[in-house]
Structures are given as structure tokens and as C-alpha cells.
Amino acid sequence: MQDPILIVGGNSGIGLETVRMLQAQRIPMVAAARTPGPLQSLGIPVQAFEASNPGSLDLPEKLSGVVYFPGSI
């Protein structure tokens, strides 16, 4: 099984469409975003994350990659 990709942001626009494309390819993902929003409704586990005040995230030991979709910071 492939290691998941970490999605940072991605609740709208290009980020959300990229998530949908990855999901269509059955690529596992975990996410960190301000709000769960559409990512959670797509079945992707979402952890609370605020870029201006980052805390620690509970991530898998190994990731395939990171995709960062900055909103307004």
C-alpha cells in the first residue's frame, strides 16, 4: 500500500480539485487545514492547522509527499 500524501489546506479552488484528482486515483491522503470542510466530507482525515500558529500534527510515520495549498495567510 502506498504511503499517504499530506495535504495542507485544499478546502477550495485548485487545492480541492487536486484532492479530487488524487482521490480518483485512489491515492491515500491525510490533511491539515483550518477547518475540516469539504476535505472531511470526501472522507479524508483532517487535523486542525493554522499556518500563522503551527502546532504539532499527528502524522503517519512515513509520507509519500506533501502538497501545500496556501490560503490567505
N, C-alpha and C. Protein backbone atom coordinates (compact mmCIF):
# COMPACT_ATOMS: atom_id res chain seq x y z
N MET A 1 0.83 -1.19 0.00
CA MET A 1 0.00 0.00 0.00
C MET A 1 0.88 1.25 0.00
N GLN A 2 0.47 2.23 -0.75
CA GLN A 2 1.21 3.48 -0.86
C GLN A 2 1.08 4.30 0.41
N ASP A 3 2.17 4.96 0.80
CA ASP A 3 2.12 5.87 1.94
C ASP A 3 1.28 7.09 1.56
N PRO A 4 0.58 7.69 2.53
CA PRO A 4 -0.29 8.81 2.21
C PRO A 4 0.48 10.09 1.87
N ILE A 5 -0.21 10.96 1.19
CA ILE A 5 0.29 12.30 0.89
C ILE A 5 -0.35 13.24 1.90
N LEU A 6 0.42 14.17 2.46
CA LEU A 6 -0.11 15.18 3.36
C LEU A 6 -0.59 16.36 2.53
N ILE A 7 -1.85 16.70 2.69
CA ILE A 7 -2.44 17.86 2.04
C ILE A 7 -2.53 18.96 3.09
N VAL A 8 -1.92 20.10 2.83
CA VAL A 8 -2.01 21.24 3.74
C VAL A 8 -2.90 22.27 3.05
N GLY A 9 -4.06 22.54 3.65
CA GLY A 9 -5.07 23.39 3.01
C GLY A 9 -5.89 22.54 2.06
N GLY A 10 -6.35 23.10 0.98
CA GLY A 10 -7.04 22.32 -0.04
C GLY A 10 -8.54 22.24 0.10
N ASN A 11 -9.16 23.14 0.85
CA ASN A 11 -10.61 23.09 1.01
C ASN A 11 -11.38 23.82 -0.07
N SER A 12 -10.67 24.43 -1.03
CA SER A 12 -11.38 25.14 -2.10
C SER A 12 -10.47 25.29 -3.30
N GLY A 13 -11.04 25.73 -4.39
CA GLY A 13 -10.29 26.07 -5.58
C GLY A 13 -9.42 24.96 -6.15
N ILE A 14 -8.23 25.35 -6.60
CA ILE A 14 -7.29 24.41 -7.22
C ILE A 14 -6.92 23.31 -6.24
N GLY A 15 -6.77 23.65 -4.98
CA GLY A 15 -6.42 22.64 -3.98
C GLY A 15 -7.46 21.55 -3.88
N LEU A 16 -8.73 21.92 -3.81
CA LEU A 16 -9.80 20.94 -3.70
C LEU A 16 -9.89 20.09 -4.96
N GLU A 17 -9.72 20.69 -6.11
CA GLU A 17 -9.75 19.93 -7.36
C GLU A 17 -8.58 18.95 -7.44
N THR A 18 -7.42 19.36 -6.96
CA THR A 18 -6.27 18.46 -6.94
C THR A 18 -6.55 17.28 -6.01
N VAL A 19 -7.14 17.54 -4.86
CA VAL A 19 -7.51 16.47 -3.93
C VAL A 19 -8.47 15.50 -4.61
N ARG A 20 -9.43 16.01 -5.33
CA ARG A 20 -10.39 15.14 -6.03
C ARG A 20 -9.67 14.28 -7.07
N MET A 21 -8.71 14.86 -7.78
CA MET A 21 -7.95 14.09 -8.77
C MET A 21 -7.14 12.98 -8.10
N LEU A 22 -6.48 13.30 -6.99
CA LEU A 22 -5.71 12.29 -6.27
C LEU A 22 -6.62 11.20 -5.73
N GLN A 23 -7.79 11.60 -5.25
CA GLN A 23 -8.73 10.63 -4.71
C GLN A 23 -9.25 9.70 -5.82
N ALA A 24 -9.47 10.23 -7.00
CA ALA A 24 -9.92 9.42 -8.13
C ALA A 24 -8.87 8.37 -8.51
N GLN A 25 -7.60 8.69 -8.23
CA GLN A 25 -6.51 7.75 -8.50
C GLN A 25 -6.26 6.84 -7.30
N ARG A 26 -7.12 6.94 -6.29
CA ARG A 26 -7.04 6.12 -5.07
C ARG A 26 -5.73 6.31 -4.31
N ILE A 27 -5.23 7.53 -4.33
CA ILE A 27 -4.01 7.85 -3.59
C ILE A 27 -4.42 8.23 -2.16
N PRO A 28 -3.88 7.55 -1.16
CA PRO A 28 -4.26 7.87 0.22
C PRO A 28 -3.76 9.26 0.64
N MET A 29 -4.58 9.95 1.41
CA MET A 29 -4.24 11.30 1.85
C MET A 29 -4.62 11.51 3.31
N VAL A 30 -3.88 12.37 3.97
CA VAL A 30 -4.25 12.94 5.26
C VAL A 30 -4.15 14.44 5.07
N ALA A 31 -4.90 15.20 5.85
CA ALA A 31 -4.91 16.64 5.62
C ALA A 31 -4.76 17.43 6.92
N ALA A 32 -4.24 18.64 6.74
CA ALA A 32 -4.14 19.63 7.81
C ALA A 32 -4.73 20.92 7.24
N ALA A 33 -5.79 21.42 7.88
CA ALA A 33 -6.47 22.60 7.37
C ALA A 33 -7.10 23.37 8.52
N ARG A 34 -7.46 24.62 8.25
CA ARG A 34 -8.11 25.44 9.29
C ARG A 34 -9.42 24.82 9.74
N THR A 35 -10.19 24.35 8.77
CA THR A 35 -11.48 23.71 9.06
C THR A 35 -11.58 22.41 8.27
N PRO A 36 -12.35 21.44 8.75
CA PRO A 36 -12.48 20.18 8.03
C PRO A 36 -13.11 20.35 6.65
N GLY A 37 -14.15 21.16 6.55
CA GLY A 37 -14.79 21.49 5.29
C GLY A 37 -14.98 20.33 4.33
N PRO A 38 -14.85 20.60 3.03
CA PRO A 38 -15.07 19.59 2.00
C PRO A 38 -14.11 18.40 2.09
N LEU A 39 -12.91 18.62 2.60
CA LEU A 39 -11.97 17.50 2.69
C LEU A 39 -12.55 16.38 3.54
N GLN A 40 -13.11 16.75 4.68
CA GLN A 40 -13.68 15.74 5.57
C GLN A 40 -14.89 15.07 4.92
N SER A 41 -15.69 15.84 4.19
CA SER A 41 -16.87 15.25 3.54
C SER A 41 -16.46 14.28 2.43
N LEU A 42 -15.22 14.41 1.93
CA LEU A 42 -14.69 13.46 0.94
C LEU A 42 -14.08 12.23 1.62
N GLY A 43 -14.11 12.20 2.94
CA GLY A 43 -13.59 11.05 3.68
C GLY A 43 -12.11 11.11 3.99
N ILE A 44 -11.52 12.30 3.86
CA ILE A 44 -10.10 12.47 4.15
C ILE A 44 -9.95 12.91 5.61
N PRO A 45 -9.11 12.21 6.39
CA PRO A 45 -8.89 12.64 7.78
C PRO A 45 -8.25 14.03 7.82
N VAL A 46 -8.84 14.94 8.57
CA VAL A 46 -8.35 16.33 8.63
C VAL A 46 -8.00 16.69 10.07
N GLN A 47 -6.80 17.26 10.25
CA GLN A 47 -6.38 17.77 11.55
C GLN A 47 -6.37 19.30 11.49
N ALA A 48 -6.73 19.92 12.60
CA ALA A 48 -6.74 21.38 12.66
C ALA A 48 -5.32 21.92 12.50
N PHE A 49 -5.18 22.96 11.66
CA PHE A 49 -3.87 23.55 11.40
C PHE A 49 -4.04 25.01 11.02
N GLU A 50 -3.28 25.86 11.65
CA GLU A 50 -3.26 27.29 11.34
C GLU A 50 -1.81 27.67 11.06
N ALA A 51 -1.52 28.05 9.82
CA ALA A 51 -0.14 28.33 9.40
C ALA A 51 0.51 29.43 10.21
N SER A 52 -0.27 30.42 10.65
CA SER A 52 0.32 31.52 11.41
C SER A 52 0.63 31.12 12.86
N ASN A 53 0.13 29.97 13.29
CA ASN A 53 0.39 29.48 14.64
C ASN A 53 0.46 27.94 14.60
N PRO A 54 1.46 27.41 13.91
CA PRO A 54 1.50 25.95 13.73
C PRO A 54 1.79 25.23 15.04
N GLY A 55 1.12 24.13 15.21
CA GLY A 55 1.37 23.25 16.35
C GLY A 55 1.84 21.92 15.79
N SER A 56 1.86 20.94 16.62
CA SER A 56 2.29 19.63 16.15
C SER A 56 1.11 18.88 15.56
N LEU A 57 1.38 18.12 14.52
CA LEU A 57 0.37 17.28 13.88
C LEU A 57 0.68 15.83 14.17
N ASP A 58 -0.35 15.04 14.28
CA ASP A 58 -0.19 13.60 14.48
C ASP A 58 -0.20 12.95 13.10
N LEU A 59 0.99 12.78 12.52
CA LEU A 59 1.11 12.28 11.15
C LEU A 59 1.61 10.85 11.11
N PRO A 60 1.31 10.15 10.01
CA PRO A 60 1.88 8.82 9.84
C PRO A 60 3.41 8.89 9.87
N GLU A 61 4.03 7.78 10.22
CA GLU A 61 5.50 7.75 10.31
C GLU A 61 6.15 8.08 8.97
N LYS A 62 5.50 7.69 7.88
CA LYS A 62 6.09 7.90 6.55
C LYS A 62 5.03 8.49 5.62
N LEU A 63 5.43 9.50 4.84
CA LEU A 63 4.56 10.13 3.85
C LEU A 63 5.17 9.98 2.47
N SER A 64 4.31 9.91 1.45
CA SER A 64 4.79 9.89 0.06
C SER A 64 5.17 11.29 -0.41
N GLY A 65 4.55 12.29 0.19
CA GLY A 65 4.83 13.66 -0.22
C GLY A 65 3.95 14.64 0.51
N VAL A 66 4.16 15.91 0.21
CA VAL A 66 3.38 16.99 0.81
C VAL A 66 2.92 17.89 -0.32
N VAL A 67 1.63 18.25 -0.29
CA VAL A 67 1.08 19.20 -1.25
C VAL A 67 0.53 20.36 -0.43
N TYR A 68 1.01 21.57 -0.69
CA TYR A 68 0.67 22.74 0.11
C TYR A 68 -0.15 23.71 -0.72
N PHE A 69 -1.37 24.00 -0.24
CA PHE A 69 -2.27 24.94 -0.90
C PHE A 69 -2.53 26.10 0.05
N PRO A 70 -1.67 27.13 0.01
CA PRO A 70 -1.87 28.22 0.95
C PRO A 70 -3.13 29.00 0.65
N GLY A 71 -3.87 29.29 1.69
CA GLY A 71 -4.98 30.21 1.56
C GLY A 71 -4.45 31.61 1.80
N SER A 72 -5.24 32.44 2.38
CA SER A 72 -4.73 33.76 2.72
C SER A 72 -4.09 33.67 4.10
N ILE A 73 -2.83 33.98 4.15
CA ILE A 73 -2.08 33.91 5.41
C ILE A 73 -1.81 35.32 5.89
